[in-house]
Amino acid sequence: MAKEFNTGLMWFRRDLRTDDNAALYHALKSCKTVHCVFIFDKEILDSLPRSDRRVEFIRASLVELDGSIRLLAKKEQAGLIVRHAWASDEIPKLAQDLAVQAVFTNHDYEPLAVHRDALVLGKLADSGIAFHTFKDHVIFERTEVLTQMGKPYGVFTPYKNACLKKLTPFYLKPYPVEKYMGALAERPVVHGLSVPTLAEIDFEATNLAKLKIPTGMTGGRALFEDFFDRMDDYHATRDFPAVKGPSYLGVHLRFGTVSIRKLAATAHQRTLVGSQGAAVWLSELIWRDFYFQILSNFPHAATGAFKPEYDAIKWEHGAQAEKLFKAWCEGRTGYPLVDAAMAQINQTGYMHNRLRMVVASFLVKDLGIDWRWGERYFADQLNDFDQSANNGGWQWASSSGCDAQPYFRIFNPTSQSEKFDAEGKFIRKYLPQLSKLPNATIHEPWNAKPVDLQAANVVLGVNYPHPIVDHAQAREKTLLRYAVVKKSLKTS
C-alpha cells in the first residue's frame, strides 16, 4: 500500500518510549521515512531551578530512547534529534529544514501545551505542512466519556462506571510499532549524534541516581513487573507509607516511559478474575483520566475553584500566613506525620498518596492557606507533577473541586498518623530526631511525658518544633471560614 507522505517528523514529548506509541505508529505507517525529535523546551525549562530531578529523568530516558530507535531501525545513524529551544519555533523550523510533509505527536492537555500546539499548527499550516496529533497518554480523553445528556462528568463514581462499561479490548489494544520500524530515517549528521549532557542545557546533576529512581523504558518496565507481584494486595497496602504498597510508576506515567494501555489492560484482566487490589488500582488509573478530562472540559479549574462559590473564601494572608506556609514547606509544623511527609517530598520529589491528602488538608484547613499555594509548591517539587492531577488533588482537599470531600471533613493529623503509621516507622525514617520516642507518643510529642522526651533526646522548640497551630481550634476556625460557602449553597 502506498504511503501518504514521503517524509514525516515524530515529535516526542511526554511519551518517551518506542513501544505502543500512538503517534510513532501513525507516523511510521503513514510515511516512507520518519525523523524523530525531542525538544528541551525553553518555555518550560527556563523557569525551573538549575537542579531539577525531572530534567535529569528526561535526559536519562532520552539516552535509552535514542538507543532504542537505533536498535529497532537497524541503522547505526538513526536516532533522536535533540534540541534545546522554544518548541513553538523549533518544530516548524526543523520540519522545513528536513522537508517533511507532516509532523506527528501525541496530545498534551495542559493549557500551556494546548497554546503551544496551536502556535505550531498555525506555523506548519503556513508552510503547507500537516500536523497530526493522537491520544496516547490516557485511556479515555476529553469528550469520549459523557453523561446521557451529552455533557462531561463532574462526579467521579458515575464517570468510573461509564469508563468500565466502555472499557473494551479495543481501547486497550497496543499499537504494533515494531512492524513499521524500517521507516525510521537516519539522523542527518548536521543535527548532532548524541543526547546533550545536563550541562549543555544549563542544568546540574541531582540526587536522582542516589535515590535509585529507575529511568526510561527499562526502568518503567522493571517497576511494573515488581508491582505486578504486589498488585493483588494493593487495596490493603496502599494507605500505609511505611509499607511497599504503591506502584511507584507516577513519574513514568508522567513522561510516558510506560504505556497506560498496558497498565490498564493488566489491571483490567486481574480485576476480571477477582483481584480486589487490581480493581482499586484500575480505579486510580481512571481517577487520572478523570482529572485530565476535567482540565480539558472545565479550563477555569486551572486557575480558580471548580465550584466558583469557593472562590469567595477569605484565606489567611500577610506576614503570618507566609510564616506558616514556610514552616509547612520546610516540615516544621510540629505535627510529625505532616513534617515527615514534607521531608519526603523535599528530599526525594515523591510523596505517598495518603500523605498528599494529609498535608494538603493541613495546609488548607489547619493553617487556612489558599490551596493554590500548596499546588504551586507541589508543582515545583514533585517528580511526577501533572497539572491535572495536582490541581484535582488540591481542589479535592480544599473541597472546591469536582467530587471533592465535604468542606466540613477535616483530617486530624494525629489520628491519621496513628491509623496509617501506627508504629511510627515512616516518621522515624524522615524525622530521625524523633526516632527514640515510643510509639505511644511519637504521633504527638507535645503530649509526651518529660521523662520520655528526655530519654529520646527531644527538646521541643529546639530540635523539634512545638505545634504551630492547635488542630481543634483550627477546625472551628475553618468551619467559620467555609461558612460563606455554606451560605452561598443555601441561597443558590
Protein backbone atom coordinates (compact mmCIF):
# COMPACT_ATOMS: atom_id res chain seq x y z
CA MET A 1 0.00 0.00 0.00
CA ALA A 2 1.32 3.43 -0.95
CA LYS A 3 2.12 5.71 1.96
CA GLU A 4 0.50 9.12 2.29
CA PHE A 5 3.70 11.08 2.97
CA ASN A 6 7.26 10.78 1.75
CA THR A 7 8.86 12.22 4.90
CA GLY A 8 7.46 12.77 8.39
CA LEU A 9 8.64 14.08 11.75
CA MET A 10 7.78 12.34 15.02
CA TRP A 11 7.81 14.80 17.92
CA PHE A 12 8.33 13.02 21.26
CA ARG A 13 7.12 14.89 24.35
CA ARG A 14 5.56 13.08 27.30
CA ASP A 15 5.72 9.69 25.55
CA LEU A 16 9.37 8.68 25.86
CA ARG A 17 9.12 5.11 24.58
CA THR A 18 9.16 3.26 21.28
CA ASP A 19 6.66 0.52 22.22
CA ASP A 20 2.90 1.06 21.96
CA ASN A 21 3.25 4.73 20.99
CA ALA A 22 0.24 6.04 19.06
CA ALA A 23 1.88 8.95 17.22
CA LEU A 24 5.01 6.97 16.37
CA TYR A 25 2.85 4.16 14.98
CA HIS A 26 0.86 6.53 12.77
CA ALA A 27 4.00 8.35 11.62
CA LEU A 28 5.76 5.13 10.61
CA LYS A 29 2.67 3.73 8.94
CA SER A 30 1.94 6.94 7.02
CA CYS A 31 5.45 7.97 5.91
CA LYS A 32 8.19 6.39 3.83
CA THR A 33 10.80 7.86 6.17
CA VAL A 34 10.40 9.28 9.68
CA HIS A 35 12.75 11.54 11.63
CA CYS A 36 12.41 11.66 15.43
CA VAL A 37 12.88 14.73 17.60
CA PHE A 38 12.70 15.81 21.22
CA ILE A 39 12.84 19.46 22.25
CA PHE A 40 14.08 20.55 25.66
CA ASP A 41 11.53 23.35 25.60
CA LYS A 42 12.96 26.59 26.95
CA GLU A 43 9.47 27.92 27.53
CA ILE A 44 9.17 25.32 30.30
CA LEU A 45 12.78 24.77 31.36
CA ASP A 46 13.84 28.40 31.75
CA SER A 47 11.64 28.83 34.82
CA LEU A 48 12.92 25.69 36.58
CA PRO A 49 15.72 25.54 39.16
CA ARG A 50 19.04 24.51 37.63
CA SER A 51 18.96 21.30 39.66
CA ASP A 52 15.73 19.51 38.77
CA ARG A 53 15.22 15.74 39.01
CA ARG A 54 12.62 15.78 36.26
CA VAL A 55 15.05 17.20 33.73
CA GLU A 56 17.64 14.61 34.71
CA PHE A 57 14.99 11.86 34.45
CA ILE A 58 14.03 13.06 30.98
CA ARG A 59 17.64 13.27 29.87
CA ALA A 60 18.42 9.72 31.05
CA SER A 61 15.24 8.42 29.42
CA LEU A 62 16.17 10.10 26.15
CA VAL A 63 19.51 8.30 26.10
CA GLU A 64 17.65 4.99 26.24
CA LEU A 65 15.05 6.14 23.71
CA ASP A 66 17.82 7.20 21.31
CA GLY A 67 19.45 3.79 21.62
CA SER A 68 16.13 2.00 21.18
CA ILE A 69 15.42 3.89 17.95
CA ARG A 70 18.82 2.94 16.53
CA LEU A 71 18.37 -0.69 17.54
CA LEU A 72 14.88 -1.03 16.11
CA ALA A 73 15.75 0.84 12.93
CA LYS A 74 18.82 -1.37 12.45
CA LYS A 75 20.62 1.74 11.29
CA GLU A 76 23.63 2.98 13.20
CA GLN A 77 22.99 6.59 12.22
CA ALA A 78 19.32 6.52 13.22
CA GLY A 79 18.26 8.13 16.48
CA LEU A 80 16.82 11.20 18.09
CA ILE A 81 17.37 14.75 17.02
CA VAL A 82 17.52 16.65 20.31
CA ARG A 83 17.26 20.42 20.54
CA HIS A 84 17.28 22.96 23.37
CA ALA A 85 15.00 25.73 22.12
CA TRP A 86 11.48 27.11 22.13
CA ALA A 87 9.44 24.23 20.74
CA SER A 88 6.85 26.52 19.17
CA ASP A 89 9.64 27.96 16.98
CA GLU A 90 11.91 24.95 16.58
CA ILE A 91 9.40 22.35 15.39
CA PRO A 92 8.18 24.40 12.37
CA LYS A 93 11.78 25.33 11.53
CA LEU A 94 13.02 21.75 11.80
CA ALA A 95 10.07 20.49 9.74
CA GLN A 96 11.07 22.88 6.96
CA ASP A 97 14.78 22.02 7.22
CA LEU A 98 14.01 18.31 6.88
CA ALA A 99 11.47 18.92 4.09
CA VAL A 100 8.79 16.87 5.84
CA GLN A 101 5.18 16.85 4.75
CA ALA A 102 3.71 16.08 8.18
CA VAL A 103 4.51 16.30 11.88
CA PHE A 104 3.14 13.65 14.26
CA THR A 105 2.80 13.92 18.03
CA ASN A 106 0.61 12.82 20.92
CA HIS A 107 -1.92 15.00 22.72
CA ASP A 108 -0.90 17.14 25.65
CA TYR A 109 -3.80 18.53 27.65
CA GLU A 110 -2.27 21.24 29.82
CA PRO A 111 -3.27 24.83 28.95
CA LEU A 112 0.30 25.91 28.14
CA ALA A 113 0.77 22.89 25.87
CA VAL A 114 -2.55 23.48 24.13
CA HIS A 115 -1.50 27.05 23.39
CA ARG A 116 1.93 25.91 22.17
CA ASP A 117 0.39 23.31 19.86
CA ALA A 118 -1.96 25.91 18.41
CA LEU A 119 1.05 28.08 17.55
CA VAL A 120 2.84 25.11 15.96
CA LEU A 121 -0.24 24.17 13.98
CA GLY A 122 -0.53 27.67 12.58
CA LYS A 123 3.13 27.92 11.60
CA LEU A 124 3.14 24.48 9.99
CA ALA A 125 -0.05 25.29 8.08
CA ASP A 126 1.59 28.45 6.72
CA SER A 127 4.29 26.19 5.27
CA GLY A 128 1.85 23.65 3.92
CA ILE A 129 2.88 21.01 6.47
CA ALA A 130 0.25 18.80 8.14
CA PHE A 131 0.07 18.43 11.93
CA HIS A 132 -1.40 15.16 13.24
CA THR A 133 -1.97 14.52 16.95
CA PHE A 134 -3.20 11.41 18.73
CA LYS A 135 -4.49 10.12 22.06
CA ASP A 136 -1.75 8.22 23.88
CA HIS A 137 -1.40 9.45 27.46
CA VAL A 138 -4.81 8.37 28.77
CA ILE A 139 -7.36 5.60 28.29
CA PHE A 140 -10.22 8.00 27.54
CA GLU A 141 -9.86 11.71 26.83
CA ARG A 142 -11.78 14.95 26.50
CA THR A 143 -15.35 14.09 25.47
CA GLU A 144 -15.00 10.34 24.90
CA VAL A 145 -16.97 9.60 28.08
CA LEU A 146 -20.07 11.74 28.54
CA THR A 147 -23.28 11.64 30.56
CA GLN A 148 -26.54 10.55 28.96
CA MET A 149 -27.20 14.28 28.46
CA GLY A 150 -24.02 14.52 26.39
CA LYS A 151 -22.13 16.56 28.99
CA PRO A 152 -18.77 15.98 30.72
CA TYR A 153 -18.86 14.28 34.09
CA GLY A 154 -18.16 16.28 37.23
CA VAL A 155 -18.54 13.39 39.67
CA PHE A 156 -16.09 10.51 39.71
CA THR A 157 -18.17 7.42 40.52
CA PRO A 158 -20.60 7.68 37.56
CA TYR A 159 -17.61 8.59 35.36
CA LYS A 160 -15.77 5.49 36.53
CA ASN A 161 -18.81 3.30 35.94
CA ALA A 162 -19.19 4.69 32.43
CA CYS A 163 -15.49 4.10 31.75
CA LEU A 164 -15.64 0.50 32.94
CA LYS A 165 -18.69 -0.11 30.77
CA LYS A 166 -16.86 1.30 27.75
CA LEU A 167 -13.52 -0.39 28.52
CA THR A 168 -13.45 -2.98 25.74
CA PRO A 169 -10.25 -4.57 24.36
CA PHE A 170 -10.33 -2.05 21.50
CA TYR A 171 -9.30 0.79 23.83
CA LEU A 172 -6.51 -1.24 25.42
CA LYS A 173 -5.01 -2.76 22.28
CA PRO A 174 -1.33 -1.82 21.86
CA TYR A 175 -0.05 -0.13 18.72
CA PRO A 176 2.22 -2.57 16.79
CA VAL A 177 5.00 -0.06 16.26
CA GLU A 178 7.72 -2.68 15.67
CA LYS A 179 6.16 -3.80 12.37
CA TYR A 180 6.97 -0.46 10.75
CA MET A 181 10.35 0.43 12.24
CA GLY A 182 12.02 0.12 8.86
CA ALA A 183 10.67 3.59 8.05
CA LEU A 184 12.90 5.25 10.64
CA ALA A 185 15.29 7.63 8.93
CA GLU A 186 18.98 8.03 9.52
CA ARG A 187 19.70 11.14 11.52
CA PRO A 188 21.31 13.87 9.42
CA VAL A 189 24.84 14.49 10.68
CA VAL A 190 24.16 18.21 10.88
CA HIS A 191 21.71 17.57 13.71
CA GLY A 192 24.25 16.03 16.06
CA LEU A 193 24.97 12.49 17.19
CA SER A 194 24.07 12.35 20.87
CA VAL A 195 21.69 13.47 23.58
CA PRO A 196 23.18 16.61 25.20
CA THR A 197 24.56 16.47 28.71
CA LEU A 198 22.79 18.26 31.53
CA ALA A 199 25.50 20.93 31.47
CA GLU A 200 24.90 21.54 27.77
CA ILE A 201 21.30 22.51 28.51
CA ASP A 202 22.34 24.55 31.57
CA PHE A 203 21.26 22.07 34.25
CA GLU A 204 23.06 20.28 37.06
CA ALA A 205 23.01 16.72 38.34
CA THR A 206 20.62 15.91 41.21
CA ASN A 207 20.32 13.05 43.68
CA LEU A 208 18.30 11.00 41.15
CA ALA A 209 20.89 8.22 40.98
CA LYS A 210 21.37 8.18 44.76
CA LEU A 211 17.63 7.75 45.18
CA LYS A 212 17.82 4.81 42.76
CA ILE A 213 14.87 6.06 40.73
CA PRO A 214 14.87 3.90 37.59
CA THR A 215 14.59 5.83 34.34
CA GLY A 216 13.46 5.18 30.81
CA MET A 217 11.52 2.29 29.34
CA THR A 218 13.53 -0.37 31.15
CA GLY A 219 13.04 1.43 34.47
CA GLY A 220 9.29 1.65 33.97
CA ARG A 221 9.12 -1.99 32.92
CA ALA A 222 11.09 -3.13 35.96
CA LEU A 223 8.84 -1.17 38.35
CA PHE A 224 5.71 -2.55 36.76
CA GLU A 225 6.99 -6.12 36.91
CA ASP A 226 7.78 -5.61 40.59
CA PHE A 227 4.35 -4.12 41.25
CA PHE A 228 2.58 -6.92 39.38
CA ASP A 229 3.59 -9.32 42.14
CA ARG A 230 2.03 -6.97 44.72
CA MET A 231 -0.99 -5.75 42.74
CA ASP A 232 -3.50 -8.17 44.26
CA ASP A 233 -2.76 -6.76 47.72
CA TYR A 234 -2.83 -3.11 46.66
CA HIS A 235 -6.18 -2.38 48.31
CA ALA A 236 -4.78 -3.48 51.67
CA THR A 237 -1.36 -1.80 51.47
CA ARG A 238 -1.83 1.43 49.54
CA ASP A 239 -2.60 3.69 52.53
CA PHE A 240 0.44 2.90 54.67
CA PRO A 241 3.51 5.00 53.81
CA ALA A 242 5.97 2.70 55.60
CA VAL A 243 4.78 -0.28 53.50
CA LYS A 244 5.81 -1.04 49.92
CA GLY A 245 2.31 -0.74 48.54
CA PRO A 246 2.25 1.74 45.62
CA SER A 247 3.45 1.03 42.09
CA TYR A 248 5.88 4.00 42.15
CA LEU A 249 5.09 4.46 38.45
CA GLY A 250 3.94 8.08 38.73
CA VAL A 251 6.97 9.66 37.08
CA HIS A 252 6.92 7.01 34.34
CA LEU A 253 3.27 7.74 33.61
CA ARG A 254 4.08 11.44 33.61
CA PHE A 255 6.76 11.11 30.94
CA GLY A 256 5.26 8.17 29.09
CA THR A 257 8.06 5.68 29.58
CA VAL A 258 5.29 3.15 30.20
CA SER A 259 2.09 2.64 28.22
CA ILE A 260 -1.13 3.48 30.02
CA ARG A 261 -2.86 0.91 27.83
CA LYS A 262 -0.57 -1.86 29.06
CA LEU A 263 -1.07 -0.89 32.70
CA ALA A 264 -4.84 -0.61 32.38
CA ALA A 265 -5.12 -3.83 30.37
CA THR A 266 -3.19 -5.76 33.02
CA ALA A 267 -5.24 -4.28 35.87
CA HIS A 268 -8.47 -4.95 33.97
CA GLN A 269 -7.53 -8.58 33.34
CA ARG A 270 -6.68 -9.10 37.00
CA THR A 271 -9.96 -7.43 38.00
CA LEU A 272 -11.94 -9.84 35.82
CA VAL A 273 -10.51 -12.79 37.76
CA GLY A 274 -11.46 -11.26 41.09
CA SER A 275 -8.42 -9.26 42.22
CA GLN A 276 -9.62 -6.59 44.62
CA GLY A 277 -6.22 -4.90 44.60
CA ALA A 278 -6.20 -4.67 40.81
CA ALA A 279 -9.73 -3.22 40.84
CA VAL A 280 -8.65 -0.46 43.24
CA TRP A 281 -5.54 0.31 41.18
CA LEU A 282 -7.56 0.41 37.96
CA SER A 283 -9.90 2.84 39.72
CA GLU A 284 -6.92 5.10 40.42
CA LEU A 285 -5.86 4.98 36.78
CA ILE A 286 -9.41 6.09 35.95
CA TRP A 287 -9.10 8.92 38.51
CA ARG A 288 -6.09 10.04 36.47
CA ASP A 289 -8.20 10.11 33.29
CA PHE A 290 -10.98 11.86 35.18
CA TYR A 291 -8.75 14.78 36.14
CA PHE A 292 -7.42 15.07 32.59
CA GLN A 293 -10.94 15.38 31.20
CA ILE A 294 -11.84 17.88 33.92
CA LEU A 295 -8.96 20.13 32.87
CA SER A 296 -9.95 19.77 29.20
CA ASN A 297 -13.66 20.42 29.68
CA PHE A 298 -13.56 22.91 32.56
CA PRO A 299 -10.45 25.05 31.89
CA HIS A 300 -11.43 27.58 34.58
CA ALA A 301 -10.36 24.98 37.16
CA ALA A 302 -6.72 25.52 36.17
CA THR A 303 -6.64 28.86 37.97
CA GLY A 304 -9.75 29.01 40.18
CA ALA A 305 -12.15 26.81 42.07
CA PHE A 306 -14.04 24.22 40.05
CA LYS A 307 -17.03 25.24 42.18
CA PRO A 308 -16.98 29.05 41.79
CA GLU A 309 -18.65 29.68 45.16
CA TYR A 310 -15.43 28.51 46.85
CA ASP A 311 -13.55 31.47 45.38
CA ALA A 312 -15.39 33.61 47.96
CA ILE A 313 -13.38 32.06 50.81
CA LYS A 314 -11.07 34.50 52.59
CA TRP A 315 -7.72 32.82 53.12
CA GLU A 316 -5.05 33.88 55.57
CA HIS A 317 -2.65 36.44 54.15
CA GLY A 318 0.21 38.70 55.12
CA ALA A 319 3.42 38.01 57.04
CA GLN A 320 1.85 35.47 59.40
CA ALA A 321 0.47 33.41 56.51
CA GLU A 322 3.88 33.50 54.82
CA LYS A 323 5.50 32.30 58.05
CA LEU A 324 3.06 29.42 58.44
CA PHE A 325 3.46 28.44 54.80
CA LYS A 326 7.25 28.43 55.11
CA ALA A 327 7.02 26.18 58.16
CA TRP A 328 4.75 23.80 56.22
CA CYS A 329 7.12 23.75 53.23
CA GLU A 330 10.11 23.02 55.43
CA GLY A 331 8.39 20.38 57.57
CA ARG A 332 8.37 22.43 60.78
CA THR A 333 4.70 22.28 61.74
CA GLY A 334 5.17 20.25 64.94
CA TYR A 335 2.90 17.50 63.62
CA PRO A 336 5.23 14.55 62.90
CA LEU A 337 3.34 12.87 60.06
CA VAL A 338 2.97 16.19 58.23
CA ASP A 339 6.62 17.06 58.77
CA ALA A 340 7.85 13.61 57.72
CA ALA A 341 5.78 13.80 54.55
CA MET A 342 7.21 17.21 53.69
CA ALA A 343 10.71 15.88 54.36
CA GLN A 344 9.97 13.05 51.95
CA ILE A 345 8.93 15.35 49.11
CA ASN A 346 11.77 17.79 49.76
CA GLN A 347 14.41 15.06 49.80
CA THR A 348 13.08 12.75 47.08
CA GLY A 349 10.48 14.53 44.93
CA TYR A 350 7.99 11.82 45.87
CA MET A 351 5.15 11.78 48.38
CA HIS A 352 2.91 8.88 49.25
CA ASN A 353 -0.67 9.47 48.07
CA ARG A 354 -2.26 9.20 51.53
CA LEU A 355 0.22 11.78 52.78
CA ARG A 356 -0.58 14.14 49.91
CA MET A 357 -4.12 14.28 51.25
CA VAL A 358 -2.96 14.73 54.84
CA VAL A 359 -0.54 17.60 54.18
CA ALA A 360 -2.95 19.32 51.79
CA SER A 361 -5.75 19.21 54.34
CA PHE A 362 -3.37 20.54 56.98
CA LEU A 363 -2.26 23.49 54.86
CA VAL A 364 -5.76 24.46 53.79
CA LYS A 365 -7.89 23.56 56.79
CA ASP A 366 -5.48 23.80 59.73
CA LEU A 367 -3.44 26.78 58.55
CA GLY A 368 -6.10 28.49 56.41
CA ILE A 369 -3.71 28.91 53.48
CA ASP A 370 -5.01 29.18 49.89
CA TRP A 371 -4.83 25.76 48.20
CA ARG A 372 -3.11 27.37 45.20
CA TRP A 373 -0.01 28.00 47.34
CA GLY A 374 0.28 24.29 48.01
CA GLU A 375 -0.50 23.44 44.41
CA ARG A 376 2.41 25.60 43.25
CA TYR A 377 4.79 24.09 45.81
CA PHE A 378 3.94 20.56 44.73
CA ALA A 379 4.35 21.61 41.09
CA ASP A 380 7.93 22.64 41.89
CA GLN A 381 8.79 19.58 43.98
CA LEU A 382 7.04 16.50 42.58
CA ASN A 383 8.92 14.28 40.16
CA ASP A 384 5.56 13.11 38.79
CA PHE A 385 3.95 16.56 38.66
CA ASP A 386 0.98 16.58 36.34
CA GLN A 387 -1.10 19.74 36.31
CA SER A 388 -4.44 17.95 36.02
CA ALA A 389 -3.88 15.51 38.91
CA ASN A 390 -2.12 18.11 41.06
CA ASN A 391 -4.90 20.62 40.56
CA GLY A 392 -7.57 17.99 41.09
CA GLY A 393 -5.94 16.69 44.26
CA TRP A 394 -5.55 20.10 45.82
CA GLN A 395 -9.10 21.11 44.96
CA TRP A 396 -10.31 17.82 46.43
CA ALA A 397 -8.51 18.62 49.69
CA SER A 398 -9.87 22.16 49.79
CA SER A 399 -13.41 20.93 48.92
CA SER A 400 -13.53 23.35 45.98
CA GLY A 401 -13.13 20.73 43.25
CA CYS A 402 -15.31 18.25 41.44
CA ASP A 403 -16.44 15.36 43.62
CA ALA A 404 -14.38 16.76 46.49
CA GLN A 405 -14.59 15.87 50.17
CA PRO A 406 -17.21 17.97 52.03
CA TYR A 407 -15.88 21.24 53.43
CA PHE A 408 -16.58 20.06 56.97
CA ARG A 409 -14.38 16.96 56.54
CA ILE A 410 -11.08 17.97 58.09
CA PHE A 411 -8.30 15.44 58.52
CA ASN A 412 -6.95 15.18 62.05
CA PRO A 413 -3.17 14.87 61.51
CA THR A 414 -2.68 12.95 64.76
CA SER A 415 -5.38 10.35 64.14
CA GLN A 416 -4.18 9.96 60.54
CA SER A 417 -0.71 9.31 61.90
CA GLU A 418 -1.93 6.79 64.46
CA LYS A 419 -4.03 4.99 61.86
CA PHE A 420 -1.63 4.84 58.92
CA ASP A 421 1.80 4.88 60.60
CA ALA A 422 0.89 3.24 63.90
CA GLU A 423 4.43 2.14 64.73
CA GLY A 424 5.96 5.41 63.56
CA LYS A 425 8.23 3.71 61.02
CA PHE A 426 7.70 6.36 58.37
CA ILE A 427 8.07 9.19 60.87
CA ARG A 428 11.33 7.74 62.20
CA LYS A 429 12.74 7.41 58.68
CA TYR A 430 12.29 11.08 57.83
CA LEU A 431 12.45 12.63 61.30
CA PRO A 432 15.39 10.82 62.93
CA GLN A 433 15.38 13.32 65.81
CA LEU A 434 12.15 11.64 66.97
CA SER A 435 13.34 8.08 66.37
CA LYS A 436 13.77 7.21 70.06
CA LEU A 437 10.28 8.27 71.10
CA PRO A 438 7.96 5.37 71.99
CA ASN A 439 5.11 4.54 69.61
CA ALA A 440 2.56 5.95 72.04
CA THR A 441 3.97 9.46 71.89
CA ILE A 442 5.70 9.78 68.51
CA HIS A 443 2.46 10.97 66.89
CA GLU A 444 2.08 13.95 69.27
CA PRO A 445 5.38 14.78 71.03
CA TRP A 446 3.84 17.82 72.71
CA ASN A 447 1.84 15.46 74.92
CA ALA A 448 4.81 13.24 75.77
CA LYS A 449 5.96 12.95 79.35
CA PRO A 450 9.09 14.99 80.11
CA VAL A 451 10.90 11.77 81.02
CA ASP A 452 10.12 10.28 77.59
CA LEU A 453 11.29 13.42 75.81
CA GLN A 454 14.48 13.47 77.83
CA ALA A 455 15.17 9.78 77.19
CA ALA A 456 14.66 10.34 73.45
CA ASN A 457 16.85 13.49 73.39
CA VAL A 458 13.91 15.53 72.10
CA VAL A 459 13.78 19.16 73.17
CA LEU A 460 10.62 20.79 71.89
CA GLY A 461 11.32 24.17 70.39
CA VAL A 462 14.98 23.21 69.88
CA ASN A 463 15.40 20.04 67.81
CA TYR A 464 11.70 19.61 67.07
CA PRO A 465 9.11 22.41 66.98
CA HIS A 466 6.05 22.91 69.09
CA PRO A 467 2.82 22.63 67.03
CA ILE A 468 2.32 25.84 65.05
CA VAL A 469 -1.43 25.54 65.41
CA ASP A 470 -3.92 23.80 67.69
CA HIS A 471 -5.89 21.40 65.50
CA ALA A 472 -9.16 21.65 67.44
CA GLN A 473 -9.12 25.45 67.34
CA ALA A 474 -8.10 25.42 63.68
CA ARG A 475 -11.01 23.15 62.85
CA GLU A 476 -13.52 25.56 64.36
CA LYS A 477 -11.91 28.46 62.53
CA THR A 478 -12.10 26.57 59.25
CA LEU A 479 -15.81 25.84 59.70
CA LEU A 480 -16.36 29.57 60.15
CA ARG A 481 -14.14 30.33 57.13
CA TYR A 482 -16.20 27.98 54.95
CA ALA A 483 -19.50 29.41 56.21
CA VAL A 484 -19.51 31.74 53.21
CA VAL A 485 -19.76 28.66 51.00
CA LYS A 486 -22.50 27.12 53.13
CA LYS A 487 -24.48 30.36 52.90
CA SER A 488 -23.98 30.52 49.15
CA LEU A 489 -25.17 26.94 48.70
CA LYS A 490 -28.32 27.64 50.73
CA THR A 491 -29.27 30.71 48.65
CA SER A 492 -28.44 29.19 45.27
